[in-house]
Amino acid sequence: MSVTRDDVSYIANLARLSLSDEETTRLVKDMNQILDYMELLNKVDTDNVEPLEHVIELNTPFRKDEALKPLDHELALKNAPDADADFFRVPKVIE
């Protein structure tokens, strides 16, 4: 399978792109190179290759799921621009 100028023009039209003749020619060449490379990858023997989730082994550090002391109420309201004795005050957003 190869990409033609008509294919590139059709895709450009779908994407609402205006391409010059030079850009269309370059995209035909680039897309065909991508397809050639994909065909090369399809020929690689991967029968004995174990599937990977990621090419680099990642270790995700997890912290212990422990209950911590809650933030002090006065400290939480300390920097609030407008606060009641117990709550943050915010502008009404629903009428």
N, C-alpha and C. Protein backbone atom coordinates (compact mmCIF):
# COMPACT_ATOMS: atom_id res chain seq x y z
N MET A 1 0.85 -1.18 0.00
CA MET A 1 0.00 0.00 0.00
C MET A 1 0.89 1.24 0.00
N SER A 2 0.53 2.19 -0.81
CA SER A 2 1.27 3.44 -0.82
C SER A 2 0.30 4.61 -0.83
N VAL A 3 0.77 5.72 -0.35
CA VAL A 3 -0.03 6.94 -0.25
C VAL A 3 0.16 7.74 -1.54
N THR A 4 -0.94 8.22 -2.08
CA THR A 4 -0.87 9.03 -3.30
C THR A 4 -1.17 10.49 -2.97
N ARG A 5 -0.99 11.35 -3.96
CA ARG A 5 -1.32 12.78 -3.78
C ARG A 5 -2.81 12.93 -3.49
N ASP A 6 -3.64 12.09 -4.12
CA ASP A 6 -5.08 12.16 -3.87
C ASP A 6 -5.40 11.81 -2.41
N ASP A 7 -4.69 10.81 -1.86
CA ASP A 7 -4.90 10.45 -0.45
C ASP A 7 -4.57 11.61 0.47
N VAL A 8 -3.42 12.24 0.21
CA VAL A 8 -3.00 13.37 1.05
C VAL A 8 -3.99 14.53 0.91
N SER A 9 -4.44 14.79 -0.30
CA SER A 9 -5.41 15.88 -0.50
C SER A 9 -6.72 15.58 0.20
N TYR A 10 -7.16 14.32 0.15
CA TYR A 10 -8.39 13.92 0.82
C TYR A 10 -8.28 14.11 2.33
N ILE A 11 -7.16 13.64 2.90
CA ILE A 11 -6.93 13.78 4.35
C ILE A 11 -6.84 15.25 4.74
N ALA A 12 -6.15 16.03 3.93
CA ALA A 12 -6.02 17.47 4.21
C ALA A 12 -7.39 18.14 4.18
N ASN A 13 -8.24 17.73 3.25
CA ASN A 13 -9.58 18.28 3.17
C ASN A 13 -10.39 17.93 4.41
N LEU A 14 -10.28 16.68 4.87
CA LEU A 14 -10.98 16.27 6.09
C LEU A 14 -10.52 17.07 7.30
N ALA A 15 -9.23 17.38 7.33
CA ALA A 15 -8.65 18.13 8.46
C ALA A 15 -8.76 19.64 8.25
N ARG A 16 -9.39 20.03 7.15
CA ARG A 16 -9.55 21.46 6.82
C ARG A 16 -8.20 22.16 6.73
N LEU A 17 -7.25 21.48 6.06
CA LEU A 17 -5.91 22.04 5.87
C LEU A 17 -5.76 22.47 4.42
N SER A 18 -5.08 23.56 4.22
CA SER A 18 -4.77 24.02 2.88
C SER A 18 -3.28 23.78 2.66
N LEU A 19 -2.97 22.83 1.78
CA LEU A 19 -1.58 22.47 1.55
C LEU A 19 -1.13 22.95 0.17
N SER A 20 0.11 23.42 0.12
CA SER A 20 0.69 23.79 -1.17
C SER A 20 1.12 22.52 -1.90
N ASP A 21 1.45 22.63 -3.17
CA ASP A 21 1.92 21.47 -3.94
C ASP A 21 3.20 20.89 -3.33
N GLU A 22 4.07 21.77 -2.86
CA GLU A 22 5.32 21.32 -2.25
C GLU A 22 5.04 20.53 -0.96
N GLU A 23 4.12 21.03 -0.13
CA GLU A 23 3.78 20.33 1.11
C GLU A 23 3.13 18.99 0.82
N THR A 24 2.26 18.95 -0.18
CA THR A 24 1.61 17.69 -0.56
C THR A 24 2.64 16.67 -1.01
N THR A 25 3.57 17.09 -1.84
CA THR A 25 4.63 16.19 -2.33
C THR A 25 5.47 15.67 -1.16
N ARG A 26 5.83 16.56 -0.24
CA ARG A 26 6.64 16.16 0.91
C ARG A 26 5.87 15.18 1.81
N LEU A 27 4.58 15.42 2.01
CA LEU A 27 3.78 14.53 2.85
C LEU A 27 3.60 13.16 2.21
N VAL A 28 3.44 13.11 0.90
CA VAL A 28 3.35 11.81 0.20
C VAL A 28 4.63 11.03 0.46
N LYS A 29 5.77 11.68 0.31
CA LYS A 29 7.06 11.01 0.53
C LYS A 29 7.19 10.56 1.98
N ASP A 30 6.88 11.45 2.94
CA ASP A 30 7.01 11.11 4.36
C ASP A 30 6.08 9.97 4.76
N MET A 31 4.83 10.03 4.31
CA MET A 31 3.88 8.98 4.67
C MET A 31 4.27 7.64 4.08
N ASN A 32 4.80 7.63 2.88
CA ASN A 32 5.26 6.38 2.27
C ASN A 32 6.47 5.82 2.99
N GLN A 33 7.35 6.70 3.48
CA GLN A 33 8.49 6.23 4.27
C GLN A 33 8.01 5.61 5.58
N ILE A 34 7.00 6.19 6.19
CA ILE A 34 6.45 5.63 7.43
C ILE A 34 5.85 4.25 7.16
N LEU A 35 5.10 4.13 6.09
CA LEU A 35 4.50 2.83 5.75
C LEU A 35 5.58 1.79 5.41
N ASP A 36 6.64 2.20 4.74
CA ASP A 36 7.75 1.27 4.44
C ASP A 36 8.40 0.79 5.73
N TYR A 37 8.57 1.69 6.67
CA TYR A 37 9.18 1.30 7.95
C TYR A 37 8.25 0.36 8.73
N MET A 38 6.95 0.63 8.68
CA MET A 38 6.00 -0.26 9.35
C MET A 38 6.04 -1.65 8.72
N GLU A 39 6.17 -1.72 7.42
CA GLU A 39 6.28 -3.00 6.73
C GLU A 39 7.54 -3.74 7.18
N LEU A 40 8.63 -3.01 7.34
CA LEU A 40 9.87 -3.60 7.83
C LEU A 40 9.68 -4.15 9.25
N LEU A 41 8.99 -3.40 10.10
CA LEU A 41 8.72 -3.87 11.46
C LEU A 41 7.83 -5.10 11.47
N ASN A 42 6.90 -5.18 10.53
CA ASN A 42 6.02 -6.35 10.45
C ASN A 42 6.78 -7.62 10.11
N LYS A 43 7.94 -7.51 9.49
CA LYS A 43 8.74 -8.67 9.10
C LYS A 43 9.60 -9.18 10.25
N VAL A 44 9.74 -8.42 11.32
CA VAL A 44 10.58 -8.83 12.45
C VAL A 44 9.92 -10.00 13.18
N ASP A 45 10.72 -11.02 13.47
CA ASP A 45 10.22 -12.20 14.19
C ASP A 45 10.09 -11.88 15.68
N THR A 46 8.88 -11.87 16.17
CA THR A 46 8.63 -11.54 17.59
C THR A 46 7.98 -12.72 18.32
N ASP A 47 8.11 -13.93 17.79
CA ASP A 47 7.46 -15.09 18.39
C ASP A 47 7.93 -15.37 19.82
N ASN A 48 9.21 -15.22 20.09
CA ASN A 48 9.74 -15.54 21.41
C ASN A 48 9.98 -14.31 22.27
N VAL A 49 9.33 -13.21 21.94
CA VAL A 49 9.51 -11.98 22.70
C VAL A 49 8.33 -11.81 23.65
N GLU A 50 8.66 -11.64 24.91
CA GLU A 50 7.61 -11.46 25.92
C GLU A 50 7.01 -10.05 25.81
N PRO A 51 5.69 -9.94 25.84
CA PRO A 51 5.07 -8.60 25.76
C PRO A 51 5.48 -7.73 26.93
N LEU A 52 5.62 -6.44 26.67
CA LEU A 52 6.03 -5.49 27.69
C LEU A 52 4.93 -4.47 27.92
N GLU A 53 4.85 -3.99 29.15
CA GLU A 53 3.96 -2.87 29.43
C GLU A 53 4.68 -1.56 29.15
N HIS A 54 5.99 -1.58 29.35
CA HIS A 54 6.80 -0.38 29.15
C HIS A 54 8.20 -0.84 28.79
N VAL A 55 8.89 -0.09 27.94
CA VAL A 55 10.22 -0.52 27.52
C VAL A 55 11.25 -0.41 28.63
N ILE A 56 10.99 0.44 29.61
CA ILE A 56 11.89 0.59 30.76
C ILE A 56 11.14 0.10 31.99
N GLU A 57 11.79 -0.74 32.77
CA GLU A 57 11.13 -1.24 33.97
C GLU A 57 10.96 -0.09 34.96
N LEU A 58 9.72 0.15 35.35
CA LEU A 58 9.42 1.24 36.26
C LEU A 58 9.00 0.69 37.61
N ASN A 59 9.53 1.26 38.64
CA ASN A 59 9.11 0.93 39.99
C ASN A 59 8.38 2.13 40.55
N THR A 60 7.12 1.95 40.83
CA THR A 60 6.32 3.04 41.37
C THR A 60 6.34 2.96 42.88
N PRO A 61 6.93 3.95 43.53
CA PRO A 61 6.95 3.91 45.00
C PRO A 61 5.57 4.27 45.55
N PHE A 62 5.08 3.42 46.40
CA PHE A 62 3.80 3.69 47.04
C PHE A 62 4.05 3.96 48.51
N ARG A 63 3.32 4.90 49.05
CA ARG A 63 3.43 5.13 50.48
C ARG A 63 2.43 4.23 51.17
N LYS A 64 2.65 3.97 52.44
CA LYS A 64 1.72 3.15 53.19
C LYS A 64 0.41 3.90 53.34
N ASP A 65 -0.67 3.16 53.26
CA ASP A 65 -1.99 3.75 53.41
C ASP A 65 -2.31 3.84 54.90
N GLU A 66 -1.89 4.96 55.49
CA GLU A 66 -2.08 5.15 56.93
C GLU A 66 -2.92 6.39 57.17
N ALA A 67 -3.75 6.32 58.17
CA ALA A 67 -4.52 7.49 58.55
C ALA A 67 -3.59 8.46 59.26
N LEU A 68 -3.61 9.71 58.83
CA LEU A 68 -2.77 10.73 59.45
C LEU A 68 -3.64 11.70 60.23
N LYS A 69 -3.00 12.44 61.10
CA LYS A 69 -3.71 13.43 61.89
C LYS A 69 -4.28 14.50 60.93
N PRO A 70 -5.56 14.84 61.07
CA PRO A 70 -6.14 15.84 60.17
C PRO A 70 -5.56 17.23 60.42
N LEU A 71 -5.68 18.08 59.41
CA LEU A 71 -5.22 19.46 59.50
C LEU A 71 -6.04 20.20 60.55
N ASP A 72 -5.37 20.95 61.37
CA ASP A 72 -6.04 21.73 62.42
C ASP A 72 -7.04 22.70 61.78
N HIS A 73 -8.24 22.79 62.35
CA HIS A 73 -9.32 23.60 61.79
C HIS A 73 -8.92 25.08 61.67
N GLU A 74 -8.35 25.65 62.69
CA GLU A 74 -7.94 27.06 62.66
C GLU A 74 -6.84 27.29 61.63
N LEU A 75 -5.92 26.36 61.52
CA LEU A 75 -4.84 26.47 60.56
C LEU A 75 -5.38 26.42 59.12
N ALA A 76 -6.39 25.57 58.89
CA ALA A 76 -6.97 25.46 57.56
C ALA A 76 -7.65 26.76 57.15
N LEU A 77 -8.28 27.45 58.07
CA LEU A 77 -9.01 28.69 57.77
C LEU A 77 -8.13 29.94 57.88
N LYS A 78 -6.90 29.79 58.34
CA LYS A 78 -6.02 30.91 58.61
C LYS A 78 -5.83 31.83 57.40
N ASN A 79 -5.57 31.29 56.21
CA ASN A 79 -5.30 32.10 55.03
C ASN A 79 -6.50 32.27 54.10
N ALA A 80 -7.67 31.87 54.57
CA ALA A 80 -8.86 32.01 53.73
C ALA A 80 -9.21 33.49 53.58
N PRO A 81 -9.53 33.94 52.35
CA PRO A 81 -9.86 35.35 52.15
C PRO A 81 -11.14 35.75 52.89
N ASP A 82 -12.07 34.80 53.03
CA ASP A 82 -13.31 35.08 53.75
C ASP A 82 -13.74 33.80 54.43
N ALA A 83 -13.83 33.82 55.74
CA ALA A 83 -14.17 32.60 56.46
C ALA A 83 -15.15 32.91 57.57
N ASP A 84 -16.03 31.97 57.81
CA ASP A 84 -16.93 32.00 58.94
C ASP A 84 -16.13 31.38 60.09
N ALA A 85 -16.72 31.21 61.23
CA ALA A 85 -16.02 30.58 62.34
C ALA A 85 -15.68 29.12 62.02
N ASP A 86 -16.50 28.50 61.17
CA ASP A 86 -16.31 27.08 60.89
C ASP A 86 -16.08 26.75 59.42
N PHE A 87 -16.37 27.68 58.50
CA PHE A 87 -16.36 27.34 57.08
C PHE A 87 -15.66 28.39 56.23
N PHE A 88 -15.25 27.97 55.02
CA PHE A 88 -14.80 28.91 54.01
C PHE A 88 -16.04 29.58 53.43
N ARG A 89 -15.98 30.88 53.19
CA ARG A 89 -17.08 31.56 52.51
C ARG A 89 -16.66 31.78 51.06
N VAL A 90 -17.53 31.39 50.14
CA VAL A 90 -17.27 31.57 48.71
C VAL A 90 -18.47 32.24 48.06
N PRO A 91 -18.25 32.91 46.92
CA PRO A 91 -19.37 33.54 46.25
C PRO A 91 -20.39 32.48 45.78
N LYS A 92 -21.64 32.86 45.77
CA LYS A 92 -22.70 31.98 45.30
C LYS A 92 -22.56 31.80 43.80
N VAL A 93 -22.57 30.55 43.32
CA VAL A 93 -22.42 30.30 41.91
C VAL A 93 -23.68 29.72 41.28
N ILE A 94 -24.61 29.25 42.08
CA ILE A 94 -25.87 28.69 41.58
C ILE A 94 -27.00 29.56 42.09
N GLU A 95 -27.87 29.92 41.17
CA GLU A 95 -29.00 30.77 41.57
C GLU A 95 -30.24 29.94 41.75
